[in-house]
Amino acid sequence: MVLRSRNHRYHSKPTFEQSLTRLLGHRPGCIQRRRALARLMEAMAESGQIWMDSRYDSALYEQALQQTWNHFRRHPEDYLRGGVIKTFNRRLVVLLQVV
């Protein structure tokens, strides 16, 4: 029989905020940062938490979404305050209102 100590840590999936904090610890442009950013963006896209509204024309929505992803890619530190997904969605909605 194998007993686990009480100090055994169960590895859970990091939150978006934890992943973003970790990637910001890497030097801009380095391969580790680019890989971490790609993994974070993929996890966000697959989470089902990115805001979507069928009232908007799909081409306009896709344009605003792409602009939001581009901003996220260039300025990930902007998404640390207020929650990554919440800030991302807020920016997406604002862009849709402008377009």
PDB file of N, CA and C in Angstrom:
ATOM      1  N   MET A   1       0.841  -1.163   0.000  1.00  0.00           N
ATOM      2  CA  MET A   1       0.000   0.000   0.000  1.00  0.00           C
ATOM      3  C   MET A   1       0.899   1.245   0.000  1.00  0.00           C
ATOM      4  N   VAL A   2       0.557   2.213  -0.854  1.00  0.00           N
ATOM      5  CA  VAL A   2       1.326   3.442  -0.944  1.00  0.00           C
ATOM      6  C   VAL A   2       0.531   4.548  -0.265  1.00  0.00           C
ATOM      7  N   LEU A   3       1.180   5.191   0.690  1.00  0.00           N
ATOM      8  CA  LEU A   3       0.535   6.304   1.378  1.00  0.00           C
ATOM      9  C   LEU A   3       1.107   7.606   0.862  1.00  0.00           C
ATOM     10  N   ARG A   4       0.259   8.571   0.674  1.00  0.00           N
ATOM     11  CA  ARG A   4       0.703   9.890   0.250  1.00  0.00           C
ATOM     12  C   ARG A   4       0.763  10.802   1.460  1.00  0.00           C
ATOM     13  N   SER A   5       1.787  11.591   1.486  1.00  0.00           N
ATOM     14  CA  SER A   5       1.908  12.516   2.617  1.00  0.00           C
ATOM     15  C   SER A   5       0.857  13.615   2.492  1.00  0.00           C
ATOM     16  N   ARG A   6       0.599  14.247   3.591  1.00  0.00           N
ATOM     17  CA  ARG A   6      -0.377  15.346   3.580  1.00  0.00           C
ATOM     18  C   ARG A   6       0.124  16.540   2.788  1.00  0.00           C
ATOM     19  N   ASN A   7       1.424  16.594   2.562  1.00  0.00           N
ATOM     20  CA  ASN A   7       2.007  17.701   1.823  1.00  0.00           C
ATOM     21  C   ASN A   7       2.004  17.472   0.317  1.00  0.00           C
ATOM     22  N   HIS A   8       1.455  16.347  -0.111  1.00  0.00           N
ATOM     23  CA  HIS A   8       1.416  16.058  -1.544  1.00  0.00           C
ATOM     24  C   HIS A   8       0.569  17.105  -2.256  1.00  0.00           C
ATOM     25  N   ARG A   9       1.131  17.653  -3.305  1.00  0.00           N
ATOM     26  CA  ARG A   9       0.407  18.665  -4.075  1.00  0.00           C
ATOM     27  C   ARG A   9      -0.260  18.015  -5.272  1.00  0.00           C
ATOM     28  N   TYR A  10      -1.498  18.368  -5.466  1.00  0.00           N
ATOM     29  CA  TYR A  10      -2.202  17.937  -6.665  1.00  0.00           C
ATOM     30  C   TYR A  10      -2.030  19.041  -7.683  1.00  0.00           C
ATOM     31  N   HIS A  11      -1.587  18.696  -8.842  1.00  0.00           N
ATOM     32  CA  HIS A  11      -1.345  19.696  -9.873  1.00  0.00           C
ATOM     33  C   HIS A  11      -2.645  19.998 -10.600  1.00  0.00           C
ATOM     34  N   SER A  12      -3.083  21.219 -10.447  1.00  0.00           N
ATOM     35  CA  SER A  12      -4.281  21.630 -11.153  1.00  0.00           C
ATOM     36  C   SER A  12      -3.879  22.524 -12.312  1.00  0.00           C
ATOM     37  N   LYS A  13      -4.782  22.697 -13.212  1.00  0.00           N
ATOM     38  CA  LYS A  13      -4.553  23.537 -14.367  1.00  0.00           C
ATOM     39  C   LYS A  13      -4.406  24.987 -13.904  1.00  0.00           C
ATOM     40  N   PRO A  14      -3.354  25.684 -14.360  1.00  0.00           N
ATOM     41  CA  PRO A  14      -3.197  27.071 -13.915  1.00  0.00           C
ATOM     42  C   PRO A  14      -4.311  27.958 -14.465  1.00  0.00           C
ATOM     43  N   THR A  15      -4.640  28.990 -13.721  1.00  0.00           N
ATOM     44  CA  THR A  15      -5.641  29.941 -14.195  1.00  0.00           C
ATOM     45  C   THR A  15      -5.029  30.773 -15.312  1.00  0.00           C
ATOM     46  N   PHE A  16      -5.870  31.490 -16.037  1.00  0.00           N
ATOM     47  CA  PHE A  16      -5.362  32.367 -17.083  1.00  0.00           C
ATOM     48  C   PHE A  16      -4.437  33.424 -16.489  1.00  0.00           C
ATOM     49  N   GLU A  17      -4.797  33.913 -15.312  1.00  0.00           N
ATOM     50  CA  GLU A  17      -3.983  34.932 -14.657  1.00  0.00           C
ATOM     51  C   GLU A  17      -2.613  34.379 -14.266  1.00  0.00           C
ATOM     52  N   GLN A  18      -2.580  33.149 -13.760  1.00  0.00           N
ATOM     53  CA  GLN A  18      -1.309  32.521 -13.400  1.00  0.00           C
ATOM     54  C   GLN A  18      -0.444  32.298 -14.642  1.00  0.00           C
ATOM     55  N   SER A  19      -1.073  31.838 -15.712  1.00  0.00           N
ATOM     56  CA  SER A  19      -0.334  31.617 -16.960  1.00  0.00           C
ATOM     57  C   SER A  19       0.214  32.920 -17.506  1.00  0.00           C
ATOM     58  N   LEU A  20      -0.584  33.984 -17.436  1.00  0.00           N
ATOM     59  CA  LEU A  20      -0.132  35.281 -17.929  1.00  0.00           C
ATOM     60  C   LEU A  20       1.017  35.812 -17.075  1.00  0.00           C
ATOM     61  N   THR A  21       0.905  35.683 -15.778  1.00  0.00           N
ATOM     62  CA  THR A  21       1.975  36.130 -14.880  1.00  0.00           C
ATOM     63  C   THR A  21       3.267  35.379 -15.185  1.00  0.00           C
ATOM     64  N   ARG A  22       3.155  34.089 -15.414  1.00  0.00           N
ATOM     65  CA  ARG A  22       4.323  33.263 -15.723  1.00  0.00           C
ATOM     66  C   ARG A  22       4.963  33.697 -17.043  1.00  0.00           C
ATOM     67  N   LEU A  23       4.145  33.946 -18.075  1.00  0.00           N
ATOM     68  CA  LEU A  23       4.727  34.326 -19.368  1.00  0.00           C
ATOM     69  C   LEU A  23       5.344  35.712 -19.308  1.00  0.00           C
ATOM     70  N   LEU A  24       4.802  36.604 -18.487  1.00  0.00           N
ATOM     71  CA  LEU A  24       5.378  37.933 -18.343  1.00  0.00           C
ATOM     72  C   LEU A  24       6.730  37.899 -17.638  1.00  0.00           C
ATOM     73  N   GLY A  25       7.027  36.787 -16.993  1.00  0.00           N
ATOM     74  CA  GLY A  25       8.331  36.617 -16.359  1.00  0.00           C
ATOM     75  C   GLY A  25       9.438  36.317 -17.352  1.00  0.00           C
ATOM     76  N   HIS A  26       9.060  35.977 -18.574  1.00  0.00           N
ATOM     77  CA  HIS A  26      10.047  35.705 -19.620  1.00  0.00           C
ATOM     78  C   HIS A  26      10.371  36.987 -20.373  1.00  0.00           C
ATOM     79  N   ARG A  27      11.550  37.049 -20.898  1.00  0.00           N
ATOM     80  CA  ARG A  27      12.010  38.190 -21.676  1.00  0.00           C
ATOM     81  C   ARG A  27      11.170  38.323 -22.949  1.00  0.00           C
ATOM     82  N   PRO A  28      10.725  39.542 -23.283  1.00  0.00           N
ATOM     83  CA  PRO A  28       9.950  39.743 -24.520  1.00  0.00           C
ATOM     84  C   PRO A  28      10.713  39.206 -25.736  1.00  0.00           C
ATOM     85  N   GLY A  29       9.990  38.470 -26.573  1.00  0.00           N
ATOM     86  CA  GLY A  29      10.571  37.937 -27.803  1.00  0.00           C
ATOM     87  C   GLY A  29      11.245  36.588 -27.664  1.00  0.00           C
ATOM     88  N   CYS A  30      11.510  36.134 -26.429  1.00  0.00           N
ATOM     89  CA  CYS A  30      12.186  34.841 -26.278  1.00  0.00           C
ATOM     90  C   CYS A  30      11.208  33.702 -26.588  1.00  0.00           C
ATOM     91  N   ILE A  31      11.768  32.570 -26.929  1.00  0.00           N
ATOM     92  CA  ILE A  31      10.952  31.422 -27.347  1.00  0.00           C
ATOM     93  C   ILE A  31      10.022  30.950 -26.235  1.00  0.00           C
ATOM     94  N   GLN A  32      10.478  30.994 -24.978  1.00  0.00           N
ATOM     95  CA  GLN A  32       9.630  30.548 -23.868  1.00  0.00           C
ATOM     96  C   GLN A  32       8.390  31.437 -23.741  1.00  0.00           C
ATOM     97  N   ARG A  33       8.584  32.735 -23.915  1.00  0.00           N
ATOM     98  CA  ARG A  33       7.458  33.663 -23.829  1.00  0.00           C
ATOM     99  C   ARG A  33       6.490  33.446 -24.986  1.00  0.00           C
ATOM    100  N   ARG A  34       7.012  33.271 -26.180  1.00  0.00           N
ATOM    101  CA  ARG A  34       6.142  33.045 -27.351  1.00  0.00           C
ATOM    102  C   ARG A  34       5.349  31.752 -27.208  1.00  0.00           C
ATOM    103  N   ARG A  35       6.002  30.716 -26.707  1.00  0.00           N
ATOM    104  CA  ARG A  35       5.306  29.437 -26.512  1.00  0.00           C
ATOM    105  C   ARG A  35       4.227  29.562 -25.432  1.00  0.00           C
ATOM    106  N   ALA A  36       4.573  30.233 -24.330  1.00  0.00           N
ATOM    107  CA  ALA A  36       3.602  30.421 -23.242  1.00  0.00           C
ATOM    108  C   ALA A  36       2.408  31.245 -23.723  1.00  0.00           C
ATOM    109  N   LEU A  37       2.682  32.257 -24.527  1.00  0.00           N
ATOM    110  CA  LEU A  37       1.612  33.095 -25.064  1.00  0.00           C
ATOM    111  C   LEU A  37       0.711  32.282 -25.995  1.00  0.00           C
ATOM    112  N   ALA A  38       1.299  31.474 -26.848  1.00  0.00           N
ATOM    113  CA  ALA A  38       0.517  30.631 -27.759  1.00  0.00           C
ATOM    114  C   ALA A  38      -0.359  29.647 -26.981  1.00  0.00           C
ATOM    115  N   ARG A  39       0.203  29.036 -25.927  1.00  0.00           N
ATOM    116  CA  ARG A  39      -0.580  28.090 -25.106  1.00  0.00           C
ATOM    117  C   ARG A  39      -1.723  28.800 -24.398  1.00  0.00           C
ATOM    118  N   LEU A  40      -1.448  29.998 -23.875  1.00  0.00           N
ATOM    119  CA  LEU A  40      -2.481  30.758 -23.181  1.00  0.00           C
ATOM    120  C   LEU A  40      -3.597  31.165 -24.146  1.00  0.00           C
ATOM    121  N   MET A  41      -3.237  31.642 -25.313  1.00  0.00           N
ATOM    122  CA  MET A  41      -4.252  32.046 -26.296  1.00  0.00           C
ATOM    123  C   MET A  41      -5.107  30.854 -26.725  1.00  0.00           C
ATOM    124  N   GLU A  42      -4.482  29.719 -26.907  1.00  0.00           N
ATOM    125  CA  GLU A  42      -5.220  28.502 -27.277  1.00  0.00           C
ATOM    126  C   GLU A  42      -6.184  28.100 -26.163  1.00  0.00           C
ATOM    127  N   ALA A  43      -5.721  28.151 -24.925  1.00  0.00           N
ATOM    128  CA  ALA A  43      -6.574  27.791 -23.788  1.00  0.00           C
ATOM    129  C   ALA A  43      -7.751  28.760 -23.674  1.00  0.00           C
ATOM    130  N   MET A  44      -7.489  30.043 -23.880  1.00  0.00           N
ATOM    131  CA  MET A  44      -8.570  31.029 -23.825  1.00  0.00           C
ATOM    132  C   MET A  44      -9.603  30.764 -24.915  1.00  0.00           C
ATOM    133  N   ALA A  45      -9.129  30.522 -26.128  1.00  0.00           N
ATOM    134  CA  ALA A  45     -10.037  30.275 -27.260  1.00  0.00           C
ATOM    135  C   ALA A  45     -10.880  29.021 -27.046  1.00  0.00           C
ATOM    136  N   GLU A  46     -10.273  28.000 -26.455  1.00  0.00           N
ATOM    137  CA  GLU A  46     -10.975  26.736 -26.237  1.00  0.00           C
ATOM    138  C   GLU A  46     -11.861  26.746 -24.996  1.00  0.00           C
ATOM    139  N   SER A  47     -11.731  27.770 -24.167  1.00  0.00           N
ATOM    140  CA  SER A  47     -12.463  27.809 -22.897  1.00  0.00           C
ATOM    141  C   SER A  47     -13.958  28.058 -23.057  1.00  0.00           C
ATOM    142  N   GLY A  48     -14.348  28.631 -24.182  1.00  0.00           N
ATOM    143  CA  GLY A  48     -15.756  28.978 -24.368  1.00  0.00           C
ATOM    144  C   GLY A  48     -16.151  30.232 -23.614  1.00  0.00           C
ATOM    145  N   GLN A  49     -15.175  30.966 -23.086  1.00  0.00           N
ATOM    146  CA  GLN A  49     -15.460  32.155 -22.295  1.00  0.00           C
ATOM    147  C   GLN A  49     -15.298  33.458 -23.080  1.00  0.00           C
ATOM    148  N   ILE A  50     -14.843  33.372 -24.318  1.00  0.00           N
ATOM    149  CA  ILE A  50     -14.707  34.577 -25.138  1.00  0.00           C
ATOM    150  C   ILE A  50     -16.110  35.023 -25.546  1.00  0.00           C
ATOM    151  N   TRP A  51     -16.395  36.288 -25.335  1.00  0.00           N
ATOM    152  CA  TRP A  51     -17.722  36.848 -25.570  1.00  0.00           C
ATOM    153  C   TRP A  51     -18.095  36.752 -27.041  1.00  0.00           C
ATOM    154  N   MET A  52     -19.352  36.400 -27.280  1.00  0.00           N
ATOM    155  CA  MET A  52     -19.874  36.308 -28.637  1.00  0.00           C
ATOM    156  C   MET A  52     -21.331  36.728 -28.605  1.00  0.00           C
ATOM    157  N   ASP A  53     -21.743  37.445 -29.641  1.00  0.00           N
ATOM    158  CA  ASP A  53     -23.129  37.894 -29.723  1.00  0.00           C
ATOM    159  C   ASP A  53     -23.559  37.796 -31.172  1.00  0.00           C
ATOM    160  N   SER A  54     -24.604  37.052 -31.428  1.00  0.00           N
ATOM    161  CA  SER A  54     -25.063  36.818 -32.798  1.00  0.00           C
ATOM    162  C   SER A  54     -25.723  38.047 -33.418  1.00  0.00           C
ATOM    163  N   ARG A  55     -25.938  39.098 -32.632  1.00  0.00           N
ATOM    164  CA  ARG A  55     -26.536  40.314 -33.188  1.00  0.00           C
ATOM    165  C   ARG A  55     -25.585  41.042 -34.126  1.00  0.00           C
ATOM    166  N   TYR A  56     -24.293  40.770 -33.984  1.00  0.00           N
ATOM    167  CA  TYR A  56     -23.307  41.440 -34.828  1.00  0.00           C
ATOM    168  C   TYR A  56     -23.035  40.624 -36.078  1.00  0.00           C
ATOM    169  N   ASP A  57     -22.806  41.328 -37.164  1.00  0.00           N
ATOM    170  CA  ASP A  57     -22.403  40.699 -38.410  1.00  0.00           C
ATOM    171  C   ASP A  57     -21.142  39.881 -38.150  1.00  0.00           C
ATOM    172  N   SER A  58     -21.091  38.674 -38.684  1.00  0.00           N
ATOM    173  CA  SER A  58     -19.957  37.795 -38.382  1.00  0.00           C
ATOM    174  C   SER A  58     -18.635  38.381 -38.863  1.00  0.00           C
ATOM    175  N   ALA A  59     -18.631  39.091 -39.978  1.00  0.00           N
ATOM    176  CA  ALA A  59     -17.386  39.692 -40.472  1.00  0.00           C
ATOM    177  C   ALA A  59     -16.908  40.790 -39.516  1.00  0.00           C
ATOM    178  N   LEU A  60     -17.829  41.585 -39.000  1.00  0.00           N
ATOM    179  CA  LEU A  60     -17.463  42.633 -38.045  1.00  0.00           C
ATOM    180  C   LEU A  60     -16.947  42.019 -36.746  1.00  0.00           C
ATOM    181  N   TYR A  61     -17.629  40.971 -36.293  1.00  0.00           N
ATOM    182  CA  TYR A  61     -17.199  40.292 -35.069  1.00  0.00           C
ATOM    183  C   TYR A  61     -15.799  39.716 -35.251  1.00  0.00           C
ATOM    184  N   GLU A  62     -15.570  39.035 -36.364  1.00  0.00           N
ATOM    185  CA  GLU A  62     -14.252  38.428 -36.612  1.00  0.00           C
ATOM    186  C   GLU A  62     -13.160  39.488 -36.689  1.00  0.00           C
ATOM    187  N   GLN A  63     -13.477  40.641 -37.280  1.00  0.00           N
ATOM    188  CA  GLN A  63     -12.508  41.726 -37.359  1.00  0.00           C
ATOM    189  C   GLN A  63     -12.162  42.246 -35.963  1.00  0.00           C
ATOM    190  N   ALA A  64     -13.168  42.479 -35.146  1.00  0.00           N
ATOM    191  CA  ALA A  64     -12.943  42.960 -33.784  1.00  0.00           C
ATOM    192  C   ALA A  64     -12.210  41.917 -32.952  1.00  0.00           C
ATOM    193  N   LEU A  65     -12.570  40.659 -33.127  1.00  0.00           N
ATOM    194  CA  LEU A  65     -11.898  39.578 -32.400  1.00  0.00           C
ATOM    195  C   LEU A  65     -10.424  39.517 -32.775  1.00  0.00           C
ATOM    196  N   GLN A  66     -10.133  39.609 -34.064  1.00  0.00           N
ATOM    197  CA  GLN A  66      -8.740  39.572 -34.519  1.00  0.00           C
ATOM    198  C   GLN A  66      -7.957  40.759 -33.977  1.00  0.00           C
ATOM    199  N   GLN A  67      -8.570  41.932 -33.950  1.00  0.00           N
ATOM    200  CA  GLN A  67      -7.895  43.116 -33.396  1.00  0.00           C
ATOM    201  C   GLN A  67      -7.611  42.928 -31.900  1.00  0.00           C
ATOM    202  N   THR A  68      -8.556  42.298 -31.205  1.00  0.00           N
ATOM    203  CA  THR A  68      -8.369  42.048 -29.778  1.00  0.00           C
ATOM    204  C   THR A  68      -7.235  41.053 -29.545  1.00  0.00           C
ATOM    205  N   TRP A  69      -7.197  39.982 -30.332  1.00  0.00           N
ATOM    206  CA  TRP A  69      -6.102  39.006 -30.222  1.00  0.00           C
ATOM    207  C   TRP A  69      -4.765  39.683 -30.518  1.00  0.00           C
ATOM    208  N   ASN A  70      -4.726  40.539 -31.544  1.00  0.00           N
ATOM    209  CA  ASN A  70      -3.485  41.236 -31.891  1.00  0.00           C
ATOM    210  C   ASN A  70      -3.018  42.119 -30.740  1.00  0.00           C
ATOM    211  N   HIS A  71      -3.951  42.827 -30.112  1.00  0.00           N
ATOM    212  CA  HIS A  71      -3.592  43.666 -28.981  1.00  0.00           C
ATOM    213  C   HIS A  71      -3.097  42.796 -27.828  1.00  0.00           C
ATOM    214  N   PHE A  72      -3.790  41.696 -27.571  1.00  0.00           N
ATOM    215  CA  PHE A  72      -3.384  40.782 -26.501  1.00  0.00           C
ATOM    216  C   PHE A  72      -1.963  40.271 -26.741  1.00  0.00           C
ATOM    217  N   ARG A  73      -1.663  39.939 -27.984  1.00  0.00           N
ATOM    218  CA  ARG A  73      -0.345  39.416 -28.355  1.00  0.00           C
ATOM    219  C   ARG A  73       0.746  40.465 -28.107  1.00  0.00           C
ATOM    220  N   ARG A  74       0.458  41.725 -28.453  1.00  0.00           N
ATOM    221  CA  ARG A  74       1.457  42.787 -28.328  1.00  0.00           C
ATOM    222  C   ARG A  74       1.566  43.365 -26.915  1.00  0.00           C
ATOM    223  N   HIS A  75       0.444  43.360 -26.174  1.00  0.00           N
ATOM    224  CA  HIS A  75       0.409  43.987 -24.846  1.00  0.00           C
ATOM    225  C   HIS A  75      -0.255  43.081 -23.805  1.00  0.00           C
ATOM    226  N   PRO A  76       0.279  41.893 -23.573  1.00  0.00           N
ATOM    227  CA  PRO A  76      -0.375  40.973 -22.627  1.00  0.00           C
ATOM    228  C   PRO A  76      -0.471  41.528 -21.215  1.00  0.00           C
ATOM    229  N   GLU A  77       0.459  42.404 -20.837  1.00  0.00           N
ATOM    230  CA  GLU A  77       0.436  42.969 -19.487  1.00  0.00           C
ATOM    231  C   GLU A  77      -0.826  43.787 -19.224  1.00  0.00           C
ATOM    232  N   ASP A  78      -1.459  44.304 -20.278  1.00  0.00           N
ATOM    233  CA  ASP A  78      -2.701  45.079 -20.128  1.00  0.00           C
ATOM    234  C   ASP A  78      -3.857  44.227 -19.602  1.00  0.00           C
ATOM    235  N   TYR A  79      -3.741  42.896 -19.702  1.00  0.00           N
ATOM    236  CA  TYR A  79      -4.845  42.002 -19.369  1.00  0.00           C
ATOM    237  C   TYR A  79      -4.705  41.389 -17.983  1.00  0.00           C
ATOM    238  N   LEU A  80      -3.692  41.785 -17.260  1.00  0.00           N
ATOM    239  CA  LEU A  80      -3.461  41.218 -15.941  1.00  0.00           C
ATOM    240  C   LEU A  80      -4.417  41.776 -14.896  1.00  0.00           C
ATOM    241  N   ARG A  81      -4.715  43.052 -14.986  1.00  0.00           N
ATOM    242  CA  ARG A  81      -5.649  43.671 -14.034  1.00  0.00           C
ATOM    243  C   ARG A  81      -7.080  43.353 -14.424  1.00  0.00           C
ATOM    244  N   GLY A  82      -7.871  43.008 -13.450  1.00  0.00           N
ATOM    245  CA  GLY A  82      -9.291  42.798 -13.698  1.00  0.00           C
ATOM    246  C   GLY A  82      -9.647  41.443 -14.284  1.00  0.00           C
ATOM    247  N   GLY A  83      -8.694  40.568 -14.442  1.00  0.00           N
ATOM    248  CA  GLY A  83      -8.961  39.242 -14.987  1.00  0.00           C
ATOM    249  C   GLY A  83      -8.713  39.205 -16.483  1.00  0.00           C
ATOM    250  N   VAL A  84      -8.037  38.184 -16.939  1.00  0.00           N
ATOM    251  CA  VAL A  84      -7.635  38.071 -18.339  1.00  0.00           C
ATOM    252  C   VAL A  84      -8.849  38.019 -19.255  1.00  0.00           C
ATOM    253  N   ILE A  85      -9.757  37.094 -19.015  1.00  0.00           N
ATOM    254  CA  ILE A  85     -10.921  36.936 -19.887  1.00  0.00           C
ATOM    255  C   ILE A  85     -11.834  38.152 -19.802  1.00  0.00           C
ATOM    256  N   LYS A  86     -12.059  38.644 -18.599  1.00  0.00           N
ATOM    257  CA  LYS A  86     -12.942  39.805 -18.430  1.00  0.00           C
ATOM    258  C   LYS A  86     -12.399  41.013 -19.188  1.00  0.00           C
ATOM    259  N   THR A  87     -11.110  41.260 -19.088  1.00  0.00           N
ATOM    260  CA  THR A  87     -10.492  42.386 -19.775  1.00  0.00           C
ATOM    261  C   THR A  87     -10.516  42.173 -21.286  1.00  0.00           C
ATOM    262  N   PHE A  88     -10.243  40.946 -21.716  1.00  0.00           N
ATOM    263  CA  PHE A  88     -10.281  40.616 -23.139  1.00  0.00           C
ATOM    264  C   PHE A  88     -11.677  40.879 -23.699  1.00  0.00           C
ATOM    265  N   ASN A  89     -12.696  40.381 -23.008  1.00  0.00           N
ATOM    266  CA  ASN A  89     -14.073  40.550 -23.474  1.00  0.00           C
ATOM    267  C   ASN A  89     -14.494  42.016 -23.469  1.00  0.00           C
ATOM    268  N   ARG A  90     -14.075  42.749 -22.455  1.00  0.00           N
ATOM    269  CA  ARG A  90     -14.406  44.175 -22.384  1.00  0.00           C
ATOM    270  C   ARG A  90     -13.831  44.908 -23.596  1.00  0.00           C
ATOM    271  N   ARG A  91     -12.588  44.612 -23.933  1.00  0.00           N
ATOM    272  CA  ARG A  91     -11.958  45.247 -25.100  1.00  0.00           C
ATOM    273  C   ARG A  91     -12.664  44.844 -26.388  1.00  0.00           C
ATOM    274  N   LEU A  92     -13.042  43.586 -26.507  1.00  0.00           N
ATOM    275  CA  LEU A  92     -13.754  43.104 -27.688  1.00  0.00           C
ATOM    276  C   LEU A  92     -15.090  43.842 -27.862  1.00  0.00           C
ATOM    277  N   VAL A  93     -15.845  43.996 -26.805  1.00  0.00           N
ATOM    278  CA  VAL A  93     -17.137  44.692 -26.863  1.00  0.00           C
ATOM    279  C   VAL A  93     -16.936  46.150 -27.277  1.00  0.00           C
ATOM    280  N   VAL A  94     -15.943  46.799 -26.700  1.00  0.00           N
ATOM    281  CA  VAL A  94     -15.673  48.200 -27.046  1.00  0.00           C
ATOM    282  C   VAL A  94     -15.320  48.313 -28.535  1.00  0.00           C
ATOM    283  N   LEU A  95     -14.508  47.423 -29.037  1.00  0.00           N
ATOM    284  CA  LEU A  95     -14.146  47.456 -30.472  1.00  0.00           C
ATOM    285  C   LEU A  95     -15.369  47.232 -31.349  1.00  0.00           C
ATOM    286  N   LEU A  96     -16.263  46.370 -30.940  1.00  0.00           N
ATOM    287  CA  LEU A  96     -17.478  46.131 -31.727  1.00  0.00           C
ATOM    288  C   LEU A  96     -18.364  47.358 -31.762  1.00  0.00           C
ATOM    289  N   GLN A  97     -18.385  48.110 -30.703  1.00  0.00           N
ATOM    290  CA  GLN A  97     -19.213  49.319 -30.664  1.00  0.00           C
ATOM    291  C   GLN A  97     -18.626  50.414 -31.533  1.00  0.00           C
ATOM    292  N   VAL A  98     -17.308  50.383 -31.729  1.00  0.00           N
ATOM    293  CA  VAL A  98     -16.630  51.394 -32.537  1.00  0.00           C
ATOM    294  C   VAL A  98     -16.719  51.054 -34.020  1.00  0.00           C
ATOM    295  N   VAL A  99     -16.617  49.761 -34.342  1.00  0.00           N
ATOM    296  CA  VAL A  99     -16.604  49.312 -35.751  1.00  0.00           C
ATOM    297  C   VAL A  99     -17.918  49.573 -36.414  1.00  0.00           C
TER     298      VAL A  99
END
